[in-house]
Amino acid sequence: MEKSFRITKNKEVSRGSEVSLFLNDQPIQAYEGESVASALMVNGQVAMRTTIEGDSRGLFCGMGVCFDCLVIVDDVPNTRACMTWVKDGMKVYTQSGLSK
């Protein structure tokens, strides 16, 4: 991940503590209080899963209704990235097709 799209911290923007997690085995930075979806997106990962046909899907509704942002978190497939808070050391993988 080369460029972060995160808003620069200033006197009007406060954040939780910085944490490290892994996206497809690559380390990325996030902050406590962020969702997995937002952490992935600010690090340039907008496609979070593919359908069984291979079409990319990512954040759509942002409130857990549509299931387009499914990822694998700490070996648990079909996890909604928009409804899951980041944790230090978390392992996140983009999901291909259906996972059981």
C-alpha atoms as a PDB file:
ATOM      1  CA  MET A   1       0.000   0.000   0.000  1.00  0.00           C
ATOM      2  CA  GLU A   2       1.784   3.105  -1.212  1.00  0.00           C
ATOM      3  CA  LYS A   3      -0.539   5.999  -0.428  1.00  0.00           C
ATOM      4  CA  SER A   4      -2.865   6.567   2.483  1.00  0.00           C
ATOM      5  CA  PHE A   5      -6.084   8.459   1.861  1.00  0.00           C
ATOM      6  CA  ARG A   6      -6.613   9.127   5.573  1.00  0.00           C
ATOM      7  CA  ILE A   7      -7.421  12.683   6.617  1.00  0.00           C
ATOM      8  CA  THR A   8      -4.395  14.303   8.220  1.00  0.00           C
ATOM      9  CA  LYS A   9      -4.730  14.590  11.977  1.00  0.00           C
ATOM     10  CA  ASN A  10      -5.134  18.150  13.219  1.00  0.00           C
ATOM     11  CA  LYS A  11      -6.780  19.990  16.101  1.00  0.00           C
ATOM     12  CA  GLU A  12     -10.228  19.149  14.677  1.00  0.00           C
ATOM     13  CA  VAL A  13      -9.526  15.450  14.043  1.00  0.00           C
ATOM     14  CA  SER A  14      -8.852  13.090  16.940  1.00  0.00           C
ATOM     15  CA  ARG A  15      -8.151   9.379  16.768  1.00  0.00           C
ATOM     16  CA  GLY A  16      -7.682   6.356  18.945  1.00  0.00           C
ATOM     17  CA  SER A  17      -4.324   4.687  19.396  1.00  0.00           C
ATOM     18  CA  GLU A  18      -2.468   3.509  16.308  1.00  0.00           C
ATOM     19  CA  VAL A  19      -2.591  -0.237  15.682  1.00  0.00           C
ATOM     20  CA  SER A  20      -1.020  -2.533  13.121  1.00  0.00           C
ATOM     21  CA  LEU A  21      -2.929  -5.168  11.246  1.00  0.00           C
ATOM     22  CA  PHE A  22      -2.258  -7.325   8.224  1.00  0.00           C
ATOM     23  CA  LEU A  23      -4.091  -7.163   4.919  1.00  0.00           C
ATOM     24  CA  ASN A  24      -3.314 -10.172   2.746  1.00  0.00           C
ATOM     25  CA  ASP A  25      -0.153 -10.664   4.832  1.00  0.00           C
ATOM     26  CA  GLN A  26       1.006  -7.048   4.318  1.00  0.00           C
ATOM     27  CA  PRO A  27       1.174  -4.735   7.360  1.00  0.00           C
ATOM     28  CA  ILE A  28      -1.064  -1.652   7.382  1.00  0.00           C
ATOM     29  CA  GLN A  29      -1.719   0.994  10.013  1.00  0.00           C
ATOM     30  CA  ALA A  30      -5.114   1.826  11.455  1.00  0.00           C
ATOM     31  CA  TYR A  31      -6.536   3.494  14.544  1.00  0.00           C
ATOM     32  CA  GLU A  32      -8.719   2.142  17.329  1.00  0.00           C
ATOM     33  CA  GLY A  33     -12.287   3.107  16.604  1.00  0.00           C
ATOM     34  CA  GLU A  34     -11.990   2.550  12.843  1.00  0.00           C
ATOM     35  CA  SER A  35     -13.825  -0.194  11.027  1.00  0.00           C
ATOM     36  CA  VAL A  36     -11.924  -2.748   9.000  1.00  0.00           C
ATOM     37  CA  ALA A  37     -13.611  -1.314   5.889  1.00  0.00           C
ATOM     38  CA  SER A  38     -12.358   2.211   6.548  1.00  0.00           C
ATOM     39  CA  ALA A  39      -8.837   0.960   7.346  1.00  0.00           C
ATOM     40  CA  LEU A  40      -8.739  -0.973   4.077  1.00  0.00           C
ATOM     41  CA  MET A  41     -10.115   1.903   2.036  1.00  0.00           C
ATOM     42  CA  VAL A  42      -7.708   4.551   3.351  1.00  0.00           C
ATOM     43  CA  ASN A  43      -4.892   2.163   2.512  1.00  0.00           C
ATOM     44  CA  GLY A  44      -6.088   1.876  -1.097  1.00  0.00           C
ATOM     45  CA  GLN A  45      -7.932  -1.474  -0.911  1.00  0.00           C
ATOM     46  CA  VAL A  46     -11.436  -0.788  -2.226  1.00  0.00           C
ATOM     47  CA  ALA A  47     -12.242  -4.307  -3.497  1.00  0.00           C
ATOM     48  CA  MET A  48     -12.861  -6.441  -0.423  1.00  0.00           C
ATOM     49  CA  ARG A  49     -14.202  -9.577  -2.057  1.00  0.00           C
ATOM     50  CA  THR A  50     -15.068 -11.098  -5.394  1.00  0.00           C
ATOM     51  CA  THR A  51     -18.270 -12.864  -6.337  1.00  0.00           C
ATOM     52  CA  ILE A  52     -18.220 -16.475  -7.508  1.00  0.00           C
ATOM     53  CA  GLU A  53     -18.148 -15.016 -11.040  1.00  0.00           C
ATOM     54  CA  GLY A  54     -15.049 -12.955 -10.178  1.00  0.00           C
ATOM     55  CA  ASP A  55     -16.685  -9.510  -9.987  1.00  0.00           C
ATOM     56  CA  SER A  56     -15.187  -7.134  -7.406  1.00  0.00           C
ATOM     57  CA  ARG A  57     -17.242  -5.923  -4.459  1.00  0.00           C
ATOM     58  CA  GLY A  58     -16.451  -3.441  -1.707  1.00  0.00           C
ATOM     59  CA  LEU A  59     -18.063  -1.034   0.708  1.00  0.00           C
ATOM     60  CA  PHE A  60     -21.576  -0.191  -0.477  1.00  0.00           C
ATOM     61  CA  CYS A  61     -24.030   0.526   2.336  1.00  0.00           C
ATOM     62  CA  GLY A  62     -21.501   0.920   5.153  1.00  0.00           C
ATOM     63  CA  MET A  63     -23.996  -0.256   7.781  1.00  0.00           C
ATOM     64  CA  GLY A  64     -24.034  -4.042   7.501  1.00  0.00           C
ATOM     65  CA  VAL A  65     -27.105  -4.487   5.329  1.00  0.00           C
ATOM     66  CA  CYS A  66     -25.718  -5.370   1.881  1.00  0.00           C
ATOM     67  CA  PHE A  67     -22.909  -7.866   2.623  1.00  0.00           C
ATOM     68  CA  ASP A  68     -20.725  -6.526  -0.214  1.00  0.00           C
ATOM     69  CA  CYS A  69     -17.745  -5.899   2.108  1.00  0.00           C
ATOM     70  CA  LEU A  70     -17.232  -9.488   3.280  1.00  0.00           C
ATOM     71  CA  VAL A  71     -13.657 -10.354   4.247  1.00  0.00           C
ATOM     72  CA  ILE A  72     -11.868 -13.053   6.224  1.00  0.00           C
ATOM     73  CA  VAL A  73     -10.836 -11.779   9.673  1.00  0.00           C
ATOM     74  CA  ASP A  74      -8.621 -13.951  11.875  1.00  0.00           C
ATOM     75  CA  ASP A  75      -9.710 -17.073   9.937  1.00  0.00           C
ATOM     76  CA  VAL A  76     -13.432 -16.210  10.138  1.00  0.00           C
ATOM     77  CA  PRO A  77     -14.895 -15.896   6.610  1.00  0.00           C
ATOM     78  CA  ASN A  78     -17.908 -13.787   5.644  1.00  0.00           C
ATOM     79  CA  THR A  79     -17.091 -11.058   8.174  1.00  0.00           C
ATOM     80  CA  ARG A  80     -18.662  -7.695   7.385  1.00  0.00           C
ATOM     81  CA  ALA A  81     -15.748  -5.256   7.211  1.00  0.00           C
ATOM     82  CA  CYS A  82     -18.017  -2.264   7.826  1.00  0.00           C
ATOM     83  CA  MET A  83     -19.252  -3.735  11.128  1.00  0.00           C
ATOM     84  CA  THR A  84     -15.917  -4.983  12.495  1.00  0.00           C
ATOM     85  CA  TRP A  85     -13.563  -2.785  14.545  1.00  0.00           C
ATOM     86  CA  VAL A  86      -9.830  -3.025  13.956  1.00  0.00           C
ATOM     87  CA  LYS A  87      -7.635  -4.674  16.581  1.00  0.00           C
ATOM     88  CA  ASP A  88      -3.881  -4.731  16.873  1.00  0.00           C
ATOM     89  CA  GLY A  89      -2.428  -7.790  15.121  1.00  0.00           C
ATOM     90  CA  MET A  90      -5.657  -8.632  13.287  1.00  0.00           C
ATOM     91  CA  LYS A  91      -5.240 -10.640  10.074  1.00  0.00           C
ATOM     92  CA  VAL A  92      -7.577  -9.602   7.265  1.00  0.00           C
ATOM     93  CA  TYR A  93      -7.808 -11.257   3.865  1.00  0.00           C
ATOM     94  CA  THR A  94      -9.879 -10.272   0.868  1.00  0.00           C
ATOM     95  CA  GLN A  95     -12.401 -12.993   0.109  1.00  0.00           C
ATOM     96  CA  SER A  96     -12.790 -14.817  -3.188  1.00  0.00           C
ATOM     97  CA  GLY A  97     -16.172 -16.306  -3.993  1.00  0.00           C
ATOM     98  CA  LEU A  98     -18.091 -18.113  -1.287  1.00  0.00           C
ATOM     99  CA  SER A  99     -16.297 -19.045   1.915  1.00  0.00           C
ATOM    100  CA  LYS A 100     -17.550 -21.515   4.478  1.00  0.00           C
END
